[in-house]
């Protein structure tokens, strides 16, 4: 009996499915933009993606809440053994989001957290969440990539901390 490769017969329009999922996510899984410290850069979103992508940051739209108005969503996943409240976790991420301000510059906000696909409920519960570590990691990669930034504080009335 001859074998058939299903992918040769069925053509799934993955780009359409991905765009549809992202719209679904925006409609059902939306949160407000957080207040706090931001690093403001005078680069385009594609330039930021390219620079940070060289350090293993990758698009993260599918695995996070949509925070109103965001134009950039990247994560850098690492294997690191950390114990929180007696439980050891292995997969963590620096999660970075960006918003375009009125001057056209990008305001970057990052945090350290459990990687969501490996740590579902603990991720949602905020186990191990660390804003300072995320911002320090982002700052070090911007420095390494020679991307200038200014620190600012944005008050939206909400916080993730």
N, C-alpha and C. Protein backbone atom coordinates (compact mmCIF):
# COMPACT_ATOMS: atom_id res chain seq x y z
N UNK A 1 0.84 -1.18 0.00
CA UNK A 1 0.00 0.00 0.00
C UNK A 1 0.89 1.25 0.00
N UNK A 2 0.59 2.15 -0.87
CA UNK A 2 1.37 3.38 -0.98
C UNK A 2 0.99 4.35 0.13
N UNK A 3 1.99 5.04 0.64
CA UNK A 3 1.70 6.02 1.68
C UNK A 3 1.41 7.37 1.04
N UNK A 4 0.60 8.14 1.71
CA UNK A 4 0.22 9.48 1.22
C UNK A 4 0.65 10.49 2.28
N UNK A 5 1.35 11.48 1.83
CA UNK A 5 1.70 12.57 2.71
C UNK A 5 0.52 13.53 2.74
N UNK A 6 -0.12 13.66 3.89
CA UNK A 6 -1.31 14.49 4.03
C UNK A 6 -1.04 15.93 3.59
N UNK A 7 0.17 16.44 3.84
CA UNK A 7 0.49 17.82 3.47
C UNK A 7 0.53 18.02 1.95
N UNK A 8 0.69 16.93 1.19
CA UNK A 8 0.64 17.04 -0.26
C UNK A 8 -0.79 17.15 -0.77
N UNK A 9 -1.75 16.75 0.05
CA UNK A 9 -3.15 16.73 -0.36
C UNK A 9 -3.94 17.90 0.25
N UNK A 10 -3.69 18.18 1.52
CA UNK A 10 -4.44 19.21 2.23
C UNK A 10 -3.58 20.47 2.31
N UNK A 11 -4.12 21.55 1.84
CA UNK A 11 -3.40 22.82 1.89
C UNK A 11 -4.12 23.75 2.86
N UNK A 12 -3.52 23.93 4.02
CA UNK A 12 -4.10 24.78 5.05
C UNK A 12 -3.52 26.18 4.89
N UNK A 13 -4.38 27.18 4.80
CA UNK A 13 -3.89 28.56 4.65
C UNK A 13 -3.42 29.11 6.00
N UNK A 14 -2.21 28.71 6.41
CA UNK A 14 -1.73 29.07 7.75
C UNK A 14 -1.66 30.57 7.99
N UNK A 15 -1.33 31.35 6.98
CA UNK A 15 -1.30 32.81 7.17
C UNK A 15 -2.68 33.34 7.53
N UNK A 16 -3.71 32.82 6.88
CA UNK A 16 -5.08 33.24 7.16
C UNK A 16 -5.48 32.78 8.56
N UNK A 17 -5.14 31.56 8.92
CA UNK A 17 -5.45 31.04 10.26
C UNK A 17 -4.75 31.89 11.32
N UNK A 18 -3.49 32.21 11.12
CA UNK A 18 -2.74 33.03 12.09
C UNK A 18 -3.37 34.41 12.25
N UNK A 19 -3.70 35.06 11.14
CA UNK A 19 -4.33 36.39 11.23
C UNK A 19 -5.67 36.31 11.93
N UNK A 20 -6.44 35.26 11.63
CA UNK A 20 -7.73 35.09 12.29
C UNK A 20 -7.59 34.87 13.78
N UNK A 21 -6.60 34.05 14.16
CA UNK A 21 -6.36 33.80 15.58
C UNK A 21 -5.96 35.09 16.30
N UNK A 22 -5.12 35.90 15.67
CA UNK A 22 -4.69 37.15 16.30
C UNK A 22 -5.88 38.10 16.51
N UNK A 23 -6.81 38.13 15.56
CA UNK A 23 -8.00 38.96 15.73
C UNK A 23 -8.90 38.40 16.84
N UNK A 24 -9.03 37.08 16.89
CA UNK A 24 -9.78 36.41 17.96
C UNK A 24 -9.18 36.76 19.31
N UNK A 25 -7.86 36.70 19.41
CA UNK A 25 -7.14 37.02 20.65
C UNK A 25 -7.42 38.46 21.07
N UNK A 26 -7.38 39.38 20.11
CA UNK A 26 -7.63 40.78 20.43
C UNK A 26 -9.05 40.99 20.97
N UNK A 27 -10.00 40.24 20.42
CA UNK A 27 -11.39 40.40 20.83
C UNK A 27 -11.66 39.83 22.23
N UNK A 28 -11.03 38.72 22.57
CA UNK A 28 -11.35 38.03 23.82
C UNK A 28 -10.32 38.15 24.93
N UNK A 29 -9.07 38.35 24.59
CA UNK A 29 -8.00 38.35 25.59
C UNK A 29 -7.27 39.69 25.56
N UNK A 30 -7.94 40.71 26.06
CA UNK A 30 -7.42 42.06 26.02
C UNK A 30 -7.23 42.59 27.43
N UNK A 31 -6.14 43.31 27.64
CA UNK A 31 -5.85 43.93 28.92
C UNK A 31 -5.40 45.36 28.66
N UNK A 32 -5.53 46.23 29.65
CA UNK A 32 -5.05 47.61 29.46
C UNK A 32 -3.53 47.68 29.50
N UNK A 33 -3.00 48.69 28.89
CA UNK A 33 -1.55 48.95 28.92
C UNK A 33 -1.14 49.25 30.36
N UNK A 34 -0.03 48.67 30.83
CA UNK A 34 0.38 48.90 32.22
C UNK A 34 1.09 50.23 32.43
N UNK A 35 0.95 50.77 33.61
CA UNK A 35 1.72 51.93 34.04
C UNK A 35 3.11 51.46 34.42
N UNK A 36 4.04 52.40 34.49
CA UNK A 36 5.37 52.07 34.98
C UNK A 36 6.47 52.65 34.13
N UNK A 37 7.67 52.12 34.35
CA UNK A 37 8.85 52.57 33.64
C UNK A 37 8.87 52.00 32.23
N UNK A 38 9.28 52.83 31.29
CA UNK A 38 9.43 52.44 29.88
C UNK A 38 10.77 52.94 29.38
N UNK A 39 11.30 52.25 28.39
CA UNK A 39 12.48 52.71 27.68
C UNK A 39 12.02 53.16 26.30
N UNK A 40 12.29 54.40 25.95
CA UNK A 40 11.79 54.99 24.71
C UNK A 40 12.92 54.99 23.68
N UNK A 41 12.65 54.41 22.51
CA UNK A 41 13.65 54.33 21.45
C UNK A 41 13.14 55.02 20.18
N UNK A 42 14.06 55.58 19.44
CA UNK A 42 13.73 56.26 18.20
C UNK A 42 14.08 55.36 17.02
N UNK A 43 13.43 54.20 16.98
CA UNK A 43 13.62 53.21 15.91
C UNK A 43 12.24 52.73 15.47
N UNK A 44 12.18 52.20 14.27
CA UNK A 44 10.92 51.63 13.78
C UNK A 44 10.73 50.24 14.40
N UNK A 45 9.52 49.74 14.37
CA UNK A 45 9.25 48.39 14.87
C UNK A 45 10.10 47.36 14.13
N UNK A 46 10.18 47.38 12.79
CA UNK A 46 11.04 46.39 12.11
C UNK A 46 12.51 46.49 12.52
N UNK A 47 13.01 47.69 12.78
CA UNK A 47 14.39 47.84 13.23
C UNK A 47 14.60 47.23 14.61
N UNK A 48 13.64 47.44 15.50
CA UNK A 48 13.73 46.87 16.85
C UNK A 48 13.65 45.35 16.77
N UNK A 49 12.72 44.84 15.97
CA UNK A 49 12.59 43.39 15.81
C UNK A 49 13.88 42.77 15.28
N UNK A 50 14.49 43.41 14.29
CA UNK A 50 15.72 42.88 13.71
C UNK A 50 16.86 42.89 14.72
N UNK A 51 17.00 44.00 15.44
CA UNK A 51 18.10 44.12 16.40
C UNK A 51 17.94 43.12 17.54
N UNK A 52 16.75 43.03 18.11
CA UNK A 52 16.55 42.11 19.24
C UNK A 52 16.39 40.67 18.77
N UNK A 53 15.93 40.48 17.55
CA UNK A 53 15.86 39.12 16.99
C UNK A 53 17.23 38.48 16.90
N UNK A 54 18.26 39.28 16.73
CA UNK A 54 19.63 38.77 16.71
C UNK A 54 20.03 38.17 18.06
N UNK A 55 19.26 38.50 19.12
CA UNK A 55 19.51 37.97 20.47
C UNK A 55 18.39 37.00 20.89
N UNK A 56 17.76 36.41 19.91
CA UNK A 56 16.75 35.36 20.12
C UNK A 56 15.41 35.85 20.65
N UNK A 57 15.10 37.12 20.51
CA UNK A 57 13.74 37.58 20.77
C UNK A 57 12.91 37.22 19.55
N UNK A 58 11.69 36.75 19.76
CA UNK A 58 10.83 36.31 18.66
C UNK A 58 9.41 36.82 18.88
N UNK A 59 8.61 36.93 17.81
CA UNK A 59 7.23 37.37 17.97
C UNK A 59 6.47 36.51 18.97
N UNK A 60 5.62 37.16 19.75
CA UNK A 60 4.91 36.47 20.83
C UNK A 60 3.42 36.79 20.84
N UNK A 61 2.89 37.20 19.71
CA UNK A 61 1.48 37.60 19.64
C UNK A 61 0.53 36.48 20.04
N UNK A 62 0.82 35.26 19.64
CA UNK A 62 -0.13 34.16 19.84
C UNK A 62 -0.27 33.73 21.29
N UNK A 63 0.74 34.00 22.12
CA UNK A 63 0.75 33.44 23.47
C UNK A 63 0.64 34.50 24.56
N UNK A 64 0.02 35.63 24.27
CA UNK A 64 -0.11 36.65 25.30
C UNK A 64 -1.40 37.44 25.10
N UNK A 65 -1.80 38.10 26.16
CA UNK A 65 -2.93 39.00 26.06
C UNK A 65 -2.58 40.14 25.11
N UNK A 66 -3.58 40.70 24.47
CA UNK A 66 -3.38 41.90 23.66
C UNK A 66 -3.53 43.08 24.61
N UNK A 67 -2.52 43.90 24.71
CA UNK A 67 -2.60 45.09 25.54
C UNK A 67 -2.84 46.27 24.62
N UNK A 68 -3.96 46.90 24.82
CA UNK A 68 -4.49 47.90 23.90
C UNK A 68 -3.43 48.83 23.31
N UNK A 69 -3.40 48.85 21.98
CA UNK A 69 -2.52 49.77 21.27
C UNK A 69 -1.11 49.27 21.02
N UNK A 70 -0.75 48.09 21.52
CA UNK A 70 0.63 47.63 21.36
C UNK A 70 0.95 47.40 19.88
N UNK A 71 2.19 47.73 19.50
CA UNK A 71 2.65 47.57 18.12
C UNK A 71 3.81 46.59 18.04
N UNK A 72 4.28 46.12 19.20
CA UNK A 72 5.42 45.21 19.27
C UNK A 72 5.19 44.23 20.41
N UNK A 73 5.45 42.94 20.15
CA UNK A 73 5.27 41.92 21.18
C UNK A 73 6.30 40.82 20.89
N UNK A 74 7.35 40.79 21.72
CA UNK A 74 8.43 39.82 21.54
C UNK A 74 8.70 39.10 22.85
N UNK A 75 9.26 37.91 22.76
CA UNK A 75 9.68 37.18 23.95
C UNK A 75 11.00 36.48 23.66
N UNK A 76 11.80 36.34 24.70
CA UNK A 76 13.06 35.60 24.63
C UNK A 76 12.98 34.51 25.68
N UNK A 77 12.83 33.27 25.24
CA UNK A 77 12.64 32.12 26.12
C UNK A 77 14.00 31.52 26.48
N UNK A 78 14.17 31.19 27.76
CA UNK A 78 15.40 30.57 28.23
C UNK A 78 15.07 29.42 29.19
N UNK A 79 15.99 28.46 29.25
CA UNK A 79 15.90 27.36 30.21
C UNK A 79 16.71 27.79 31.43
N UNK A 80 16.03 27.92 32.56
CA UNK A 80 16.69 28.32 33.80
C UNK A 80 15.92 27.73 34.97
N UNK A 81 16.60 26.94 35.78
CA UNK A 81 15.95 26.32 36.94
C UNK A 81 15.78 27.36 38.05
N UNK A 82 14.54 27.64 38.38
CA UNK A 82 14.21 28.55 39.48
C UNK A 82 13.12 27.92 40.31
N UNK A 83 13.25 28.02 41.61
CA UNK A 83 12.23 27.49 42.51
C UNK A 83 11.45 28.66 43.11
N UNK A 84 10.13 28.59 42.99
CA UNK A 84 9.24 29.61 43.54
C UNK A 84 8.22 28.89 44.41
N UNK A 85 8.12 29.27 45.67
CA UNK A 85 7.16 28.67 46.60
C UNK A 85 7.23 27.15 46.60
N UNK A 86 8.45 26.61 46.56
CA UNK A 86 8.65 25.17 46.66
C UNK A 86 8.52 24.38 45.36
N UNK A 87 8.19 25.04 44.27
CA UNK A 87 8.05 24.37 42.97
C UNK A 87 9.17 24.85 42.06
N UNK A 88 9.84 23.90 41.39
CA UNK A 88 10.91 24.26 40.47
C UNK A 88 10.35 24.36 39.05
N UNK A 89 10.66 25.47 38.41
CA UNK A 89 10.24 25.73 37.03
C UNK A 89 11.50 25.84 36.17
N UNK A 90 11.37 25.47 34.90
CA UNK A 90 12.53 25.43 34.01
C UNK A 90 12.48 26.41 32.85
N UNK A 91 11.31 26.74 32.37
CA UNK A 91 11.21 27.58 31.18
C UNK A 91 10.65 28.95 31.55
N UNK A 92 11.42 29.99 31.23
CA UNK A 92 11.10 31.37 31.57
C UNK A 92 11.25 32.23 30.33
N UNK A 93 10.71 33.45 30.39
CA UNK A 93 10.87 34.36 29.27
C UNK A 93 10.98 35.80 29.73
N UNK A 94 11.71 36.57 28.94
CA UNK A 94 11.64 38.02 29.02
C UNK A 94 10.60 38.42 27.99
N UNK A 95 9.52 39.03 28.44
CA UNK A 95 8.41 39.40 27.56
C UNK A 95 8.44 40.92 27.37
N UNK A 96 8.52 41.33 26.13
CA UNK A 96 8.68 42.73 25.75
C UNK A 96 7.49 43.18 24.92
N UNK A 97 6.96 44.34 25.27
CA UNK A 97 5.88 44.94 24.48
C UNK A 97 6.28 46.37 24.14
N UNK A 98 5.71 46.90 23.06
CA UNK A 98 6.01 48.27 22.67
C UNK A 98 4.78 49.01 22.18
N UNK A 99 4.74 50.30 22.46
CA UNK A 99 3.66 51.20 22.02
C UNK A 99 4.27 52.41 21.35
N UNK A 100 3.62 52.88 20.30
CA UNK A 100 4.09 54.08 19.60
C UNK A 100 3.52 55.30 20.33
N UNK A 101 4.41 56.25 20.70
CA UNK A 101 3.92 57.45 21.38
C UNK A 101 3.54 58.52 20.36
N UNK A 102 3.07 59.66 20.86
CA UNK A 102 2.60 60.73 19.98
C UNK A 102 3.70 61.29 19.08
N UNK A 103 4.96 61.15 19.51
CA UNK A 103 6.09 61.63 18.70
C UNK A 103 6.56 60.59 17.70
N UNK A 104 5.91 59.42 17.67
CA UNK A 104 6.28 58.36 16.73
C UNK A 104 7.37 57.44 17.24
N UNK A 105 7.86 57.66 18.45
CA UNK A 105 8.89 56.81 19.05
C UNK A 105 8.21 55.61 19.72
N UNK A 106 8.99 54.57 19.97
CA UNK A 106 8.44 53.34 20.55
C UNK A 106 8.79 53.27 22.03
N UNK A 107 7.77 53.09 22.87
CA UNK A 107 7.93 52.96 24.31
C UNK A 107 7.92 51.47 24.64
N UNK A 108 9.05 50.98 25.19
CA UNK A 108 9.24 49.55 25.46
C UNK A 108 9.07 49.25 26.95
N UNK A 109 8.38 48.17 27.22
CA UNK A 109 8.07 47.75 28.60
C UNK A 109 8.28 46.24 28.64
N UNK A 110 9.09 45.75 29.59
CA UNK A 110 9.40 44.32 29.63
C UNK A 110 9.25 43.77 31.05
N UNK A 111 9.04 42.47 31.13
CA UNK A 111 9.00 41.78 32.42
C UNK A 111 9.52 40.36 32.23
N UNK A 112 9.91 39.74 33.33
CA UNK A 112 10.39 38.36 33.38
C UNK A 112 9.24 37.53 33.94
N UNK A 113 8.99 36.38 33.33
CA UNK A 113 7.87 35.55 33.78
C UNK A 113 8.05 34.12 33.30
N UNK A 114 7.22 33.24 33.83
CA UNK A 114 7.19 31.87 33.35
C UNK A 114 6.75 31.84 31.89
N UNK A 115 7.34 30.96 31.10
CA UNK A 115 6.95 30.79 29.70
C UNK A 115 5.56 30.14 29.70
N UNK A 116 4.58 30.73 29.00
CA UNK A 116 3.18 30.31 29.14
C UNK A 116 2.82 28.94 28.58
N UNK A 117 3.46 28.48 27.52
CA UNK A 117 3.04 27.20 26.95
C UNK A 117 3.48 26.02 27.80
N UNK A 118 4.51 26.20 28.63
CA UNK A 118 4.99 25.13 29.51
C UNK A 118 4.49 25.27 30.93
N UNK A 119 3.95 26.42 31.28
CA UNK A 119 3.55 26.71 32.66
C UNK A 119 2.23 27.46 32.70
N UNK A 120 1.21 26.91 32.07
CA UNK A 120 -0.07 27.60 31.88
C UNK A 120 -0.63 28.33 33.08
N UNK A 121 -1.14 27.59 34.05
CA UNK A 121 -1.80 28.23 35.18
C UNK A 121 -0.84 29.04 36.03
N UNK A 122 0.36 28.53 36.27
CA UNK A 122 1.34 29.28 37.06
C UNK A 122 1.70 30.60 36.36
N UNK A 123 1.78 30.58 35.05
CA UNK A 123 2.04 31.81 34.29
C UNK A 123 0.89 32.80 34.50
N UNK A 124 -0.32 32.35 34.32
CA UNK A 124 -1.49 33.22 34.47
C UNK A 124 -1.59 33.76 35.89
N UNK A 125 -1.21 32.94 36.87
CA UNK A 125 -1.24 33.37 38.28
C UNK A 125 -0.13 34.36 38.62
N UNK A 126 0.83 34.55 37.72
CA UNK A 126 1.92 35.50 37.97
C UNK A 126 3.06 34.95 38.80
N UNK A 127 3.14 33.64 38.91
CA UNK A 127 4.22 33.02 39.67
C UNK A 127 5.58 33.44 39.11
N UNK A 128 6.43 33.98 39.95
CA UNK A 128 7.78 34.36 39.53
C UNK A 128 7.88 35.64 38.72
N UNK A 129 6.78 36.36 38.55
CA UNK A 129 6.77 37.59 37.75
C UNK A 129 7.77 38.59 38.35
N UNK A 130 8.59 39.20 37.49
CA UNK A 130 9.62 40.14 37.97
C UNK A 130 9.80 41.25 36.95
N UNK A 131 9.18 42.39 37.22
CA UNK A 131 9.28 43.53 36.32
C UNK A 131 10.72 44.05 36.22
N UNK A 132 11.39 44.21 37.36
CA UNK A 132 12.75 44.77 37.35
C UNK A 132 13.71 43.91 36.53
N UNK A 133 13.63 42.60 36.69
CA UNK A 133 14.53 41.73 35.92
C UNK A 133 14.25 41.86 34.42
N UNK A 134 12.98 41.94 34.05
CA UNK A 134 12.63 42.11 32.63
C UNK A 134 13.18 43.41 32.06
N UNK A 135 13.03 44.50 32.80
CA UNK A 135 13.53 45.79 32.32
C UNK A 135 15.05 45.81 32.28
N UNK A 136 15.71 45.21 33.27
CA UNK A 136 17.17 45.16 33.26
C UNK A 136 17.69 44.33 32.08
N UNK A 137 16.99 43.22 31.79
CA UNK A 137 17.37 42.38 30.65
C UNK A 137 17.20 43.16 29.35
N UNK A 138 16.07 43.82 29.20
CA UNK A 138 15.83 44.63 28.00
C UNK A 138 16.91 45.69 27.85
N UNK A 139 17.21 46.40 28.93
CA UNK A 139 18.22 47.45 28.88
C UNK A 139 19.57 46.89 28.44
N UNK A 140 19.95 45.72 28.95
CA UNK A 140 21.24 45.15 28.58
C UNK A 140 21.28 44.77 27.10
N UNK A 141 20.18 44.27 26.55
CA UNK A 141 20.17 43.92 25.13
C UNK A 141 20.13 45.17 24.25
N UNK A 142 19.44 46.22 24.68
CA UNK A 142 19.48 47.47 23.91
C UNK A 142 20.89 48.04 23.91
N UNK A 143 21.56 47.98 25.06
CA UNK A 143 22.95 48.44 25.13
C UNK A 143 23.83 47.62 24.18
N UNK A 144 23.68 46.31 24.23
CA UNK A 144 24.49 45.42 23.38
C UNK A 144 24.25 45.70 21.89
N UNK A 145 22.99 46.00 21.55
CA UNK A 145 22.63 46.28 20.15
C UNK A 145 22.92 47.74 19.75
N UNK A 146 23.45 48.51 20.70
CA UNK A 146 23.76 49.91 20.48
C UNK A 146 22.54 50.72 20.06
N UNK A 147 21.43 50.46 20.75
CA UNK A 147 20.19 51.21 20.54
C UNK A 147 20.05 52.19 21.70
N UNK A 148 20.07 53.48 21.38
CA UNK A 148 19.91 54.50 22.41
C UNK A 148 18.48 54.52 22.92
N UNK A 149 18.31 54.86 24.18
CA UNK A 149 16.99 54.92 24.79
C UNK A 149 16.98 55.97 25.88
N UNK A 150 15.79 56.40 26.20
CA UNK A 150 15.55 57.30 27.33
C UNK A 150 14.56 56.60 28.24
N UNK A 151 14.71 56.80 29.53
CA UNK A 151 13.76 56.25 30.48
C UNK A 151 12.64 57.26 30.70
N UNK A 152 11.43 56.72 30.80
CA UNK A 152 10.28 57.56 31.10
C UNK A 152 9.30 56.75 31.95
N UNK A 153 8.38 57.44 32.57
CA UNK A 153 7.33 56.77 33.33
C UNK A 153 6.00 57.09 32.65
N UNK A 154 5.22 56.05 32.43
CA UNK A 154 3.91 56.18 31.81
C UNK A 154 2.86 55.82 32.86
N UNK A 155 1.88 56.70 33.05
CA UNK A 155 0.81 56.42 34.00
C UNK A 155 -0.49 56.19 33.23
N UNK A 156 -0.92 54.94 33.20
CA UNK A 156 -2.17 54.60 32.52
C UNK A 156 -3.28 54.27 33.51
N UNK A 157 -2.93 54.26 34.79
CA UNK A 157 -3.91 53.92 35.81
C UNK A 157 -3.97 52.44 36.14
N UNK A 158 -3.15 51.62 35.45
CA UNK A 158 -3.13 50.18 35.73
C UNK A 158 -1.70 49.71 35.84
N UNK A 159 -1.51 48.58 36.49
CA UNK A 159 -0.18 48.02 36.68
C UNK A 159 -0.28 46.51 36.66
N UNK A 160 0.82 45.83 36.23
CA UNK A 160 0.90 44.38 36.26
C UNK A 160 1.66 43.89 37.47
N UNK A 161 2.21 44.82 38.24
CA UNK A 161 3.04 44.43 39.38
C UNK A 161 2.19 44.04 40.56
